[in-house]
C-alpha atoms as a PDB file:
ATOM      1  CA  MET A   1     120.198 109.384  95.212  1.00  0.00           C
ATOM      2  CA  GLU A   2     121.876 106.468  93.507  1.00  0.00           C
ATOM      3  CA  ALA A   3     121.543 102.897  94.692  1.00  0.00           C
ATOM      4  CA  HIS A   4     123.540  99.907  93.545  1.00  0.00           C
ATOM      5  CA  VAL A   5     120.872  98.232  91.446  1.00  0.00           C
ATOM      6  CA  THR A   6     121.870  96.041  88.528  1.00  0.00           C
ATOM      7  CA  ARG A   7     119.702  96.669  85.485  1.00  0.00           C
ATOM      8  CA  THR A   8     119.816  93.907  82.921  1.00  0.00           C
ATOM      9  CA  GLY A   9     117.291  92.271  80.641  1.00  0.00           C
ATOM     10  CA  ALA A  10     113.616  91.862  81.452  1.00  0.00           C
ATOM     11  CA  GLY A  11     113.073  89.476  84.338  1.00  0.00           C
ATOM     12  CA  ASP A  12     116.703  89.372  85.515  1.00  0.00           C
ATOM     13  CA  ASP A  13     117.005  90.042  89.258  1.00  0.00           C
ATOM     14  CA  GLY A  14     113.365  91.192  89.329  1.00  0.00           C
ATOM     15  CA  VAL A  15     114.172  94.398  87.404  1.00  0.00           C
ATOM     16  CA  PRO A  16     112.070  95.154  84.297  1.00  0.00           C
ATOM     17  CA  GLY A  17     113.937  95.740  81.057  1.00  0.00           C
ATOM     18  CA  ASP A  18     113.018  99.446  80.946  1.00  0.00           C
ATOM     19  CA  GLY A  19     115.451 100.129  83.762  1.00  0.00           C
ATOM     20  CA  ALA A  20     112.792 100.650  86.424  1.00  0.00           C
ATOM     21  CA  ALA A  21     112.809  98.456  89.529  1.00  0.00           C
ATOM     22  CA  THR A  22     109.912  96.923  91.409  1.00  0.00           C
ATOM     23  CA  GLY A  23     109.653  96.177  95.108  1.00  0.00           C
ATOM     24  CA  ARG A  24     107.621  96.506  98.266  1.00  0.00           C
ATOM     25  CA  VAL A  25     107.332  99.461 100.616  1.00  0.00           C
ATOM     26  CA  THR A  26     108.602  98.565 104.090  1.00  0.00           C
ATOM     27  CA  ARG A  27     108.405 101.984 105.768  1.00  0.00           C
ATOM     28  CA  LEU A  28     107.124 105.538 105.237  1.00  0.00           C
ATOM     29  CA  ASP A  29     108.706 108.727 106.613  1.00  0.00           C
ATOM     30  CA  ARG A  30     107.190 112.102 105.585  1.00  0.00           C
ATOM     31  CA  GLY A  31     107.438 111.993 101.822  1.00  0.00           C
ATOM     32  CA  TRP A  32     109.956 109.145 101.669  1.00  0.00           C
ATOM     33  CA  SER A  33     109.402 105.433 101.063  1.00  0.00           C
ATOM     34  CA  THR A  34     111.818 102.702 102.032  1.00  0.00           C
ATOM     35  CA  VAL A  35     111.465 100.028  99.346  1.00  0.00           C
ATOM     36  CA  LEU A  36     112.831  96.485  99.414  1.00  0.00           C
ATOM     37  CA  LEU A  37     113.533  95.834  95.739  1.00  0.00           C
ATOM     38  CA  ASP A  38     112.833  92.452  94.196  1.00  0.00           C
ATOM     39  CA  SER A  39     116.475  92.400  93.118  1.00  0.00           C
ATOM     40  CA  GLY A  40     117.651  92.503  96.738  1.00  0.00           C
ATOM     41  CA  PRO A  41     118.775  95.976  97.838  1.00  0.00           C
ATOM     42  CA  THR A  42     116.747  98.411  99.917  1.00  0.00           C
ATOM     43  CA  VAL A  43     116.422 102.002  98.680  1.00  0.00           C
ATOM     44  CA  ARG A  44     114.897 105.182 100.073  1.00  0.00           C
ATOM     45  CA  VAL A  45     112.975 107.163  97.473  1.00  0.00           C
ATOM     46  CA  ARG A  46     110.569 110.092  97.300  1.00  0.00           C
ATOM     47  CA  ASN A  47     106.810 109.476  97.098  1.00  0.00           C
ATOM     48  CA  ILE A  48     105.518 113.055  96.768  1.00  0.00           C
ATOM     49  CA  GLY A  49     102.182 113.182  94.966  1.00  0.00           C
ATOM     50  CA  MET A  50     101.585 109.426  95.321  1.00  0.00           C
ATOM     51  CA  GLU A  51      99.249 107.616  97.717  1.00  0.00           C
ATOM     52  CA  VAL A  52     101.703 105.074  99.078  1.00  0.00           C
ATOM     53  CA  ALA A  53     101.216 102.753 102.057  1.00  0.00           C
ATOM     54  CA  VAL A  54     103.445 100.307 103.864  1.00  0.00           C
ATOM     55  CA  GLY A  55     102.975  96.948 102.166  1.00  0.00           C
ATOM     56  CA  ASP A  56     102.391  98.426  98.707  1.00  0.00           C
ATOM     57  CA  ARG A  57     103.972  96.886  95.645  1.00  0.00           C
ATOM     58  CA  VAL A  58     105.556  99.740  93.705  1.00  0.00           C
ATOM     59  CA  ARG A  59     107.718 100.590  90.707  1.00  0.00           C
ATOM     60  CA  VAL A  60     110.680 102.892  91.266  1.00  0.00           C
ATOM     61  CA  ASP A  61     111.899 105.126  88.433  1.00  0.00           C
ATOM     62  CA  ALA A  62     115.092 104.308  86.538  1.00  0.00           C
ATOM     63  CA  ALA A  63     117.099 106.885  88.497  1.00  0.00           C
ATOM     64  CA  VAL A  64     116.023 105.248  91.783  1.00  0.00           C
ATOM     65  CA  GLU A  65     114.776 108.604  93.063  1.00  0.00           C
ATOM     66  CA  ARG A  66     110.994 108.270  93.366  1.00  0.00           C
ATOM     67  CA  VAL A  67     108.004 105.953  93.332  1.00  0.00           C
ATOM     68  CA  GLU A  68     106.467 106.238  89.874  1.00  0.00           C
ATOM     69  CA  HIS A  69     103.668 103.648  90.149  1.00  0.00           C
ATOM     70  CA  VAL A  70     101.692 101.835  92.857  1.00  0.00           C
ATOM     71  CA  PHE A  71     100.360  98.447  91.765  1.00  0.00           C
ATOM     72  CA  GLU A  72      96.774  97.401  92.462  1.00  0.00           C
ATOM     73  CA  ARG A  73      96.248  96.326  96.065  1.00  0.00           C
ATOM     74  CA  SER A  74      94.796  92.963  97.053  1.00  0.00           C
ATOM     75  CA  SER A  75      93.633  94.467 100.353  1.00  0.00           C
ATOM     76  CA  ALA A  76      93.998  97.717 102.266  1.00  0.00           C
ATOM     77  CA  LEU A  77      93.236  99.011 105.753  1.00  0.00           C
ATOM     78  CA  ILE A  78      91.729 102.445 105.121  1.00  0.00           C
ATOM     79  CA  ARG A  79      90.459 104.927 107.677  1.00  0.00           C
ATOM     80  CA  ARG A  80      89.311 108.546 107.673  1.00  0.00           C
ATOM     81  CA  ASN A  81      92.311 110.863 107.859  1.00  0.00           C
ATOM     82  CA  SER A  82      92.286 112.379 111.343  1.00  0.00           C
ATOM     83  CA  PHE A  83      94.713 115.238 110.640  1.00  0.00           C
ATOM     84  CA  GLU A  84      93.365 118.765 110.897  1.00  0.00           C
ATOM     85  CA  GLY A  85      92.406 120.134 107.493  1.00  0.00           C
ATOM     86  CA  ALA A  86      92.050 116.667 105.989  1.00  0.00           C
ATOM     87  CA  ARG A  87      88.243 116.445 106.091  1.00  0.00           C
ATOM     88  CA  GLY A  88      86.936 114.029 103.515  1.00  0.00           C
ATOM     89  CA  LEU A  89      90.341 112.449 102.879  1.00  0.00           C
ATOM     90  CA  ARG A  90      91.391 108.884 103.566  1.00  0.00           C
ATOM     91  CA  GLN A  91      94.518 107.354 105.065  1.00  0.00           C
ATOM     92  CA  VAL A  92      95.742 103.948 103.889  1.00  0.00           C
ATOM     93  CA  VAL A  93      97.203 102.367 107.027  1.00  0.00           C
ATOM     94  CA  ALA A  94      98.442  99.129 105.450  1.00  0.00           C
ATOM     95  CA  ALA A  95      98.275  97.387 102.069  1.00  0.00           C
ATOM     96  CA  ASN A  96      98.348  93.837 100.687  1.00  0.00           C
ATOM     97  CA  ILE A  97      97.711  92.060 103.978  1.00  0.00           C
ATOM     98  CA  ASP A  98      96.224  88.602 104.502  1.00  0.00           C
ATOM     99  CA  THR A  99      95.256  88.705 108.194  1.00  0.00           C
ATOM    100  CA  VAL A 100      94.470  91.623 110.514  1.00  0.00           C
ATOM    101  CA  PHE A 101      95.084  90.929 114.182  1.00  0.00           C
ATOM    102  CA  LEU A 102      92.901  93.101 116.431  1.00  0.00           C
ATOM    103  CA  LEU A 103      94.733  93.357 119.750  1.00  0.00           C
ATOM    104  CA  HIS A 104      92.980  93.944 123.078  1.00  0.00           C
ATOM    105  CA  ALA A 105      94.635  93.655 126.496  1.00  0.00           C
ATOM    106  CA  VAL A 106      92.768  91.562 129.069  1.00  0.00           C
ATOM    107  CA  THR A 107      94.154  93.881 131.760  1.00  0.00           C
ATOM    108  CA  ALA A 108      91.643  96.546 130.656  1.00  0.00           C
ATOM    109  CA  PRO A 109      87.827  96.320 130.732  1.00  0.00           C
ATOM    110  CA  PRO A 110      86.444  94.851 127.482  1.00  0.00           C
ATOM    111  CA  ASN A 111      85.778  97.560 124.893  1.00  0.00           C
ATOM    112  CA  GLU A 112      83.027  96.153 122.682  1.00  0.00           C
ATOM    113  CA  ARG A 113      82.370  99.447 120.893  1.00  0.00           C
ATOM    114  CA  ARG A 114      85.991  99.813 119.802  1.00  0.00           C
ATOM    115  CA  LEU A 115      86.048  96.184 118.655  1.00  0.00           C
ATOM    116  CA  GLU A 116      82.972  96.788 116.495  1.00  0.00           C
ATOM    117  CA  ARG A 117      84.774  99.646 114.764  1.00  0.00           C
ATOM    118  CA  GLU A 118      87.914  97.578 114.266  1.00  0.00           C
ATOM    119  CA  LEU A 119      85.875  94.737 112.765  1.00  0.00           C
ATOM    120  CA  VAL A 120      84.230  97.107 110.271  1.00  0.00           C
ATOM    121  CA  LEU A 121      87.689  98.405 109.346  1.00  0.00           C
ATOM    122  CA  ALA A 122      89.080  94.885 108.972  1.00  0.00           C
ATOM    123  CA  PHE A 123      86.159  93.489 106.960  1.00  0.00           C
ATOM    124  CA  ASP A 124      86.289  96.441 104.585  1.00  0.00           C
ATOM    125  CA  SER A 125      90.023  95.915 104.082  1.00  0.00           C
ATOM    126  CA  GLY A 126      89.511  92.563 102.370  1.00  0.00           C
ATOM    127  CA  ALA A 127      91.761  90.777 104.867  1.00  0.00           C
ATOM    128  CA  ARG A 128      90.747  88.201 107.474  1.00  0.00           C
ATOM    129  CA  PRO A 129      90.218  89.553 111.030  1.00  0.00           C
ATOM    130  CA  VAL A 130      91.447  87.640 114.078  1.00  0.00           C
ATOM    131  CA  ILE A 131      91.056  88.967 117.634  1.00  0.00           C
ATOM    132  CA  VAL A 132      94.013  88.534 119.996  1.00  0.00           C
ATOM    133  CA  LEU A 133      93.682  89.044 123.752  1.00  0.00           C
ATOM    134  CA  THR A 134      97.109  89.941 125.146  1.00  0.00           C
ATOM    135  CA  LYS A 135      98.765  89.991 128.597  1.00  0.00           C
ATOM    136  CA  LEU A 136      97.228  86.648 129.533  1.00  0.00           C
ATOM    137  CA  ASP A 137      99.772  86.245 132.358  1.00  0.00           C
ATOM    138  CA  ALA A 138      98.629  89.421 134.161  1.00  0.00           C
ATOM    139  CA  VAL A 139      95.133  88.250 135.215  1.00  0.00           C
ATOM    140  CA  ASP A 140      93.473  85.062 136.392  1.00  0.00           C
ATOM    141  CA  ALA A 141      91.817  82.587 134.042  1.00  0.00           C
ATOM    142  CA  GLY A 142      88.323  83.428 135.254  1.00  0.00           C
ATOM    143  CA  TYR A 143      88.634  87.062 134.283  1.00  0.00           C
ATOM    144  CA  VAL A 144      90.089  86.113 130.877  1.00  0.00           C
ATOM    145  CA  ALA A 145      86.984  83.990 130.298  1.00  0.00           C
ATOM    146  CA  GLU A 146      84.745  86.945 131.209  1.00  0.00           C
ATOM    147  CA  VAL A 147      86.528  89.296 128.791  1.00  0.00           C
ATOM    148  CA  ARG A 148      86.444  86.690 126.056  1.00  0.00           C
ATOM    149  CA  ALA A 149      82.723  86.086 126.550  1.00  0.00           C
ATOM    150  CA  ALA A 150      81.966  89.834 126.469  1.00  0.00           C
ATOM    151  CA  LEU A 151      83.861  90.362 123.213  1.00  0.00           C
ATOM    152  CA  ALA A 152      82.384  87.209 121.673  1.00  0.00           C
ATOM    153  CA  GLN A 153      78.969  88.869 121.873  1.00  0.00           C
ATOM    154  CA  VAL A 154      80.074  91.305 119.153  1.00  0.00           C
ATOM    155  CA  SER A 155      82.754  89.290 117.350  1.00  0.00           C
ATOM    156  CA  LEU A 156      80.241  86.617 116.236  1.00  0.00           C
ATOM    157  CA  ASP A 157      82.281  83.946 114.397  1.00  0.00           C
ATOM    158  CA  VAL A 158      85.581  85.870 114.220  1.00  0.00           C
ATOM    159  CA  PRO A 159      88.280  83.777 115.980  1.00  0.00           C
ATOM    160  CA  ILE A 160      89.490  84.947 119.403  1.00  0.00           C
ATOM    161  CA  MET A 161      93.003  83.939 120.499  1.00  0.00           C
ATOM    162  CA  THR A 162      94.699  84.536 123.864  1.00  0.00           C
ATOM    163  CA  VAL A 163      98.434  85.098 124.288  1.00  0.00           C
ATOM    164  CA  SER A 164     101.107  86.018 126.770  1.00  0.00           C
ATOM    165  CA  SER A 165     104.165  87.471 125.058  1.00  0.00           C
ATOM    166  CA  ARG A 166     106.144  87.126 128.290  1.00  0.00           C
ATOM    167  CA  THR A 167     105.476  83.421 128.992  1.00  0.00           C
ATOM    168  CA  GLY A 168     105.006  82.397 125.359  1.00  0.00           C
ATOM    169  CA  GLU A 169     101.548  80.940 125.915  1.00  0.00           C
ATOM    170  CA  GLY A 170      99.460  81.122 122.736  1.00  0.00           C
ATOM    171  CA  ILE A 171     102.303  82.532 120.600  1.00  0.00           C
ATOM    172  CA  ASP A 172     102.512  79.404 118.421  1.00  0.00           C
ATOM    173  CA  GLY A 173      98.856  79.820 117.454  1.00  0.00           C
ATOM    174  CA  VAL A 174      99.506  83.357 116.216  1.00  0.00           C
ATOM    175  CA  ARG A 175     102.739  82.287 114.517  1.00  0.00           C
ATOM    176  CA  ALA A 176     100.867  79.598 112.575  1.00  0.00           C
ATOM    177  CA  LEU A 177      98.962  82.356 110.757  1.00  0.00           C
ATOM    178  CA  CYS A 178     102.178  84.191 109.863  1.00  0.00           C
ATOM    179  CA  GLY A 179     103.830  81.595 107.630  1.00  0.00           C
ATOM    180  CA  GLU A 180     105.748  81.938 104.395  1.00  0.00           C
ATOM    181  CA  GLY A 181     104.165  84.296 101.894  1.00  0.00           C
ATOM    182  CA  GLN A 182     101.720  85.710 104.449  1.00  0.00           C
ATOM    183  CA  THR A 183     101.503  89.361 105.465  1.00  0.00           C
ATOM    184  CA  VAL A 184      99.781  90.145 108.737  1.00  0.00           C
ATOM    185  CA  ALA A 185      98.957  93.496 110.332  1.00  0.00           C
ATOM    186  CA  PHE A 186      98.542  94.373 114.001  1.00  0.00           C
ATOM    187  CA  ILE A 187      96.184  97.138 115.072  1.00  0.00           C
ATOM    188  CA  GLY A 188      95.210  98.153 118.560  1.00  0.00           C
ATOM    189  CA  ALA A 189      95.247 100.955 121.075  1.00  0.00           C
ATOM    190  CA  SER A 190      98.533 102.103 122.529  1.00  0.00           C
ATOM    191  CA  GLY A 191      99.562  99.990 125.502  1.00  0.00           C
ATOM    192  CA  VAL A 192      97.880  96.704 124.475  1.00  0.00           C
ATOM    193  CA  GLY A 193     101.239  94.955 124.090  1.00  0.00           C
ATOM    194  CA  LYS A 194     101.720  95.106 120.330  1.00  0.00           C
ATOM    195  CA  SER A 195     105.445  95.790 120.453  1.00  0.00           C
ATOM    196  CA  THR A 196     106.066  92.997 122.954  1.00  0.00           C
ATOM    197  CA  LEU A 197     104.135  90.557 120.752  1.00  0.00           C
ATOM    198  CA  VAL A 198     106.042  91.706 117.664  1.00  0.00           C
ATOM    199  CA  ASN A 199     109.332  91.046 119.441  1.00  0.00           C
ATOM    200  CA  ALA A 200     108.130  87.588 120.523  1.00  0.00           C
ATOM    201  CA  LEU A 201     107.170  86.640 116.967  1.00  0.00           C
ATOM    202  CA  VAL A 202     110.318  88.028 115.372  1.00  0.00           C
ATOM    203  CA  GLY A 203     112.568  86.514 118.013  1.00  0.00           C
ATOM    204  CA  ALA A 204     114.457  89.760 118.585  1.00  0.00           C
ATOM    205  CA  GLU A 205     113.791  93.191 120.058  1.00  0.00           C
ATOM    206  CA  VAL A 206     112.856  95.069 116.886  1.00  0.00           C
ATOM    207  CA  GLN A 207     110.277  97.282 118.607  1.00  0.00           C
ATOM    208  CA  ARG A 208     110.887  99.366 121.713  1.00  0.00           C
ATOM    209  CA  THR A 209     108.443  98.668 124.527  1.00  0.00           C
ATOM    210  CA  GLY A 210     107.176 101.234 127.015  1.00  0.00           C
ATOM    211  CA  GLU A 211     105.655 101.436 130.427  1.00  0.00           C
ATOM    212  CA  VAL A 212     101.893 101.295 130.919  1.00  0.00           C
ATOM    213  CA  ARG A 213     100.130 103.650 133.339  1.00  0.00           C
ATOM    214  CA  ASP A 214      98.574 101.921 136.336  1.00  0.00           C
ATOM    215  CA  ASP A 215      95.398 104.033 136.345  1.00  0.00           C
ATOM    216  CA  ASP A 216      94.089 103.264 132.860  1.00  0.00           C
ATOM    217  CA  GLN A 217      96.445 100.578 131.494  1.00  0.00           C
ATOM    218  CA  ARG A 218      97.410 102.797 128.568  1.00  0.00           C
ATOM    219  CA  GLY A 219     100.922 103.379 127.369  1.00  0.00           C
ATOM    220  CA  ARG A 220     102.969 105.683 125.236  1.00  0.00           C
ATOM    221  CA  HIS A 221     103.078 105.148 121.483  1.00  0.00           C
ATOM    222  CA  THR A 222     106.156 102.950 121.304  1.00  0.00           C
ATOM    223  CA  THR A 223     105.742 102.332 117.561  1.00  0.00           C
ATOM    224  CA  VAL A 224     106.169 105.696 115.826  1.00  0.00           C
ATOM    225  CA  ALA A 225     105.816 104.610 112.189  1.00  0.00           C
ATOM    226  CA  ALA A 226     104.225 101.733 110.311  1.00  0.00           C
ATOM    227  CA  GLU A 227     106.868  99.215 109.330  1.00  0.00           C
ATOM    228  CA  LEU A 228     107.028  95.886 107.507  1.00  0.00           C
ATOM    229  CA  VAL A 229     109.085  93.437 109.565  1.00  0.00           C
ATOM    230  CA  PRO A 230     110.337  90.056 108.215  1.00  0.00           C
ATOM    231  CA  LEU A 231     109.373  86.973 110.236  1.00  0.00           C
ATOM    232  CA  PRO A 232     111.560  83.876 110.720  1.00  0.00           C
ATOM    233  CA  ASP A 233     109.136  81.575 108.855  1.00  0.00           C
ATOM    234  CA  GLY A 234     109.124  83.707 105.698  1.00  0.00           C
ATOM    235  CA  GLY A 235     106.092  85.880 106.413  1.00  0.00           C
ATOM    236  CA  TRP A 236     105.850  89.622 106.956  1.00  0.00           C
ATOM    237  CA  LEU A 237     104.458  91.490 109.926  1.00  0.00           C
ATOM    238  CA  LEU A 238     103.114  94.991 109.404  1.00  0.00           C
ATOM    239  CA  ASP A 239     103.233  96.828 112.718  1.00  0.00           C
ATOM    240  CA  THR A 240     101.295 100.082 113.005  1.00  0.00           C
ATOM    241  CA  PRO A 241     101.398 102.872 115.610  1.00  0.00           C
ATOM    242  CA  GLY A 242      98.719 102.615 118.282  1.00  0.00           C
ATOM    243  CA  LEU A 243      95.407 104.020 117.059  1.00  0.00           C
ATOM    244  CA  ARG A 244      93.892 106.300 119.694  1.00  0.00           C
ATOM    245  CA  ALA A 245      90.669 106.528 117.700  1.00  0.00           C
ATOM    246  CA  VAL A 246      89.401 104.064 115.107  1.00  0.00           C
ATOM    247  CA  THR A 247      88.001 106.369 112.448  1.00  0.00           C
ATOM    248  CA  LEU A 248      86.211 104.673 109.575  1.00  0.00           C
ATOM    249  CA  TRP A 249      86.227 105.278 105.862  1.00  0.00           C
ATOM    250  CA  THR A 250      83.156 104.773 103.676  1.00  0.00           C
ATOM    251  CA  SER A 251      82.164 101.174 104.283  1.00  0.00           C
ATOM    252  CA  GLY A 252      81.725  98.622 101.543  1.00  0.00           C
ATOM    253  CA  HIS A 253      80.217  95.657 103.346  1.00  0.00           C
ATOM    254  CA  GLY A 254      82.088  96.082 106.634  1.00  0.00           C
ATOM    255  CA  ILE A 255      79.130  97.306 108.672  1.00  0.00           C
ATOM    256  CA  GLU A 256      76.882  94.597 107.267  1.00  0.00           C
ATOM    257  CA  ARG A 257      79.427  91.882 108.133  1.00  0.00           C
ATOM    258  CA  ALA A 258      80.343  93.255 111.566  1.00  0.00           C
ATOM    259  CA  PHE A 259      76.641  93.518 112.472  1.00  0.00           C
ATOM    260  CA  ARG A 260      75.501  90.367 110.726  1.00  0.00           C
ATOM    261  CA  ASP A 261      73.278  89.463 113.690  1.00  0.00           C
ATOM    262  CA  VAL A 262      71.251  92.659 113.226  1.00  0.00           C
ATOM    263  CA  PHE A 263      71.066  92.322 109.439  1.00  0.00           C
ATOM    264  CA  ASP A 264      69.992  88.662 109.679  1.00  0.00           C
ATOM    265  CA  LEU A 265      67.147  89.646 111.996  1.00  0.00           C
ATOM    266  CA  ALA A 266      66.188  92.525 109.691  1.00  0.00           C
ATOM    267  CA  ASP A 267      65.534  90.013 106.909  1.00  0.00           C
ATOM    268  CA  GLY A 268      62.490  88.937 108.942  1.00  0.00           C
ATOM    269  CA  CYS A 269      60.968  92.412 109.238  1.00  0.00           C
ATOM    270  CA  ARG A 270      57.538  92.884 107.626  1.00  0.00           C
ATOM    271  CA  PHE A 271      58.718  95.898 105.627  1.00  0.00           C
ATOM    272  CA  ARG A 272      61.867  95.914 103.523  1.00  0.00           C
ATOM    273  CA  ASP A 273      62.635  99.533 104.476  1.00  0.00           C
ATOM    274  CA  CYS A 274      62.012  98.983 108.188  1.00  0.00           C
ATOM    275  CA  LYS A 275      63.944 101.480 110.344  1.00  0.00           C
ATOM    276  CA  HIS A 276      63.519  99.327 113.475  1.00  0.00           C
ATOM    277  CA  LEU A 277      61.732 102.106 115.341  1.00  0.00           C
ATOM    278  CA  ASP A 278      58.003 101.582 115.889  1.00  0.00           C
ATOM    279  CA  GLU A 279      57.051  99.794 112.664  1.00  0.00           C
ATOM    280  CA  PRO A 280      54.701  96.820 113.036  1.00  0.00           C
ATOM    281  CA  GLY A 281      56.240  93.424 112.415  1.00  0.00           C
ATOM    282  CA  CYS A 282      59.810  94.565 113.170  1.00  0.00           C
ATOM    283  CA  ALA A 283      61.875  91.414 113.780  1.00  0.00           C
ATOM    284  CA  VAL A 284      64.792  93.406 115.213  1.00  0.00           C
ATOM    285  CA  ASN A 285      62.711  95.025 117.946  1.00  0.00           C
ATOM    286  CA  ALA A 286      61.054  91.681 118.665  1.00  0.00           C
ATOM    287  CA  ALA A 287      64.507  90.186 119.253  1.00  0.00           C
ATOM    288  CA  ILE A 288      65.402  93.062 121.569  1.00  0.00           C
ATOM    289  CA  ASP A 289      62.170  92.604 123.523  1.00  0.00           C
ATOM    290  CA  ASP A 290      62.727  88.888 124.102  1.00  0.00           C
ATOM    291  CA  GLY A 291      66.422  89.253 124.907  1.00  0.00           C
ATOM    292  CA  ARG A 292      67.956  87.741 121.770  1.00  0.00           C
ATOM    293  CA  LEU A 293      69.584  91.053 120.798  1.00  0.00           C
ATOM    294  CA  ASP A 294      71.034  93.784 122.992  1.00  0.00           C
ATOM    295  CA  ARG A 295      69.651  97.195 122.076  1.00  0.00           C
ATOM    296  CA  VAL A 296      73.179  98.583 122.440  1.00  0.00           C
ATOM    297  CA  ARG A 297      74.124  96.655 119.292  1.00  0.00           C
ATOM    298  CA  LEU A 298      71.392  98.337 117.254  1.00  0.00           C
ATOM    299  CA  ASP A 299      72.291 101.770 118.640  1.00  0.00           C
ATOM    300  CA  SER A 300      75.973 101.193 117.904  1.00  0.00           C
ATOM    301  CA  MET A 301      75.244 100.156 114.326  1.00  0.00           C
ATOM    302  CA  ARG A 302      73.127 103.281 113.823  1.00  0.00           C
ATOM    303  CA  ARG A 303      75.982 105.492 115.047  1.00  0.00           C
ATOM    304  CA  LEU A 304      78.410 103.918 112.592  1.00  0.00           C
ATOM    305  CA  VAL A 305      75.966 104.257 109.697  1.00  0.00           C
ATOM    306  CA  ALA A 306      75.442 107.930 110.646  1.00  0.00           C
ATOM    307  CA  GLU A 307      79.210 108.422 110.783  1.00  0.00           C
ATOM    308  CA  GLU A 308      79.530 106.963 107.307  1.00  0.00           C
ATOM    309  CA  LEU A 309      76.811 109.254 105.960  1.00  0.00           C
ATOM    310  CA  ALA A 310      78.558 112.269 107.538  1.00  0.00           C
ATOM    311  CA  LEU A 311      81.825 111.240 105.892  1.00  0.00           C
ATOM    312  CA  GLU A 312      80.121 110.981 102.511  1.00  0.00           C
ATOM    313  CA  GLU A 313      78.857 114.537 103.028  1.00  0.00           C
ATOM    314  CA  GLU A 314      82.410 115.662 103.879  1.00  0.00           C
ATOM    315  CA  GLN A 315      83.599 114.140 100.611  1.00  0.00           C
ATOM    316  CA  ARG A 316      80.894 115.960  98.654  1.00  0.00           C
ATOM    317  CA  GLU A 317      81.831 119.245 100.296  1.00  0.00           C
ATOM    318  CA  ARG A 318      85.495 118.692  99.495  1.00  0.00           C
ATOM    319  CA  GLU A 319      84.711 117.966  95.846  1.00  0.00           C
ATOM    320  CA  LYS A 320      82.744 121.223  95.630  1.00  0.00           C
ATOM    321  CA  ALA A 321      85.852 123.067  96.858  1.00  0.00           C
ATOM    322  CA  PHE A 322      87.667 122.175  93.659  1.00  0.00           C
ATOM    323  CA  ASP A 323      86.794 123.540  90.251  1.00  0.00           C
ATOM    324  CA  ARG A 324      86.888 121.567  87.025  1.00  0.00           C
ATOM    325  CA  ARG A 325      90.616 122.218  86.635  1.00  0.00           C
ATOM    326  CA  GLY A 326      91.276 120.663  90.032  1.00  0.00           C
ATOM    327  CA  ALA A 327      92.193 123.973  91.665  1.00  0.00           C
ATOM    328  CA  ARG A 328      90.720 124.937  95.030  1.00  0.00           C
ATOM    329  CA  ARG A 329      88.088 127.664  94.744  1.00  0.00           C
ATOM    330  CA  SER A 330      88.680 130.816  96.722  1.00  0.00           C
ATOM    331  CA  PRO A 331      86.155 131.468  99.531  1.00  0.00           C
ATOM    332  CA  GLY A 332      84.467 134.201  97.467  1.00  0.00           C
ATOM    333  CA  HIS A 333      84.276 132.227  94.229  1.00  0.00           C
ATOM    334  CA  ARG A 334      80.705 131.828  93.000  1.00  0.00           C
ATOM    335  CA  GLY A 335      81.297 129.796  89.895  1.00  0.00           C
ATOM    336  CA  GLY A 336      79.468 130.501  86.635  1.00  0.00           C
END
């Protein structure tokens, strides 16, 4: 595939002197990357054998046929790959983002456990999390306050914004975080109103919206592929398909930050290796007993830690399936 890309001296039109071109990935489609080149044109190139994500800065080969290099990421949303046969592998959902908006619809009961997972994912990405409660126009103010209060119990000091994409209420607050040079990502379950909010921010219908079922307030996946969308104020919006399940990757400090209330209490335990079971002088259990901490928080944190340990075991098992040459061992191979 040949694209009309002018190759001149180093630095001219954003094209390095070696003939290769640099740019940013705006969309992925089964082995293909759509790349907006620094020199202006958009090209579609192969990315076979490369771990490429929407938002990545990349170098395209001189023939404009494939991605030959992915530059170091400033941040990345990474989760456990949920595809069958991909045990122990990761999926980079989005790269080089500044703010992650975690969308929850106020028309559904508050889902604190999902929010905890999303916060771990966001903190580990290196981007700033902001919670957005959507569909503000569909319920009364009292119920919005109840949902906000419930989620605030687990969000700690992460900002919570409320918006109505249909009336425009709260949109300016979100738009203020999407200014020139900023890249923001939206994640949330299908049906929370992501596509409608994207259209409101962009000022045009760039994402198809779908109906939401009355019984559970869930909708079809109206966004079918992650895509980087330009915003009127010079920022970029990275829209992702609805995530049915928030699967985690090995956590850096995400669990510690998302459960800071538990970790802060643990600093007061008598024993440094306290498991918060029946040890004497356990500050965490003391807080649970006197009502300062909900036991559900401790149980939820334990589940996420256990999930992380299980993932690490999956990775070890996958590594054992490859020999020193990088080839997969046959089931009957015994090594030696």
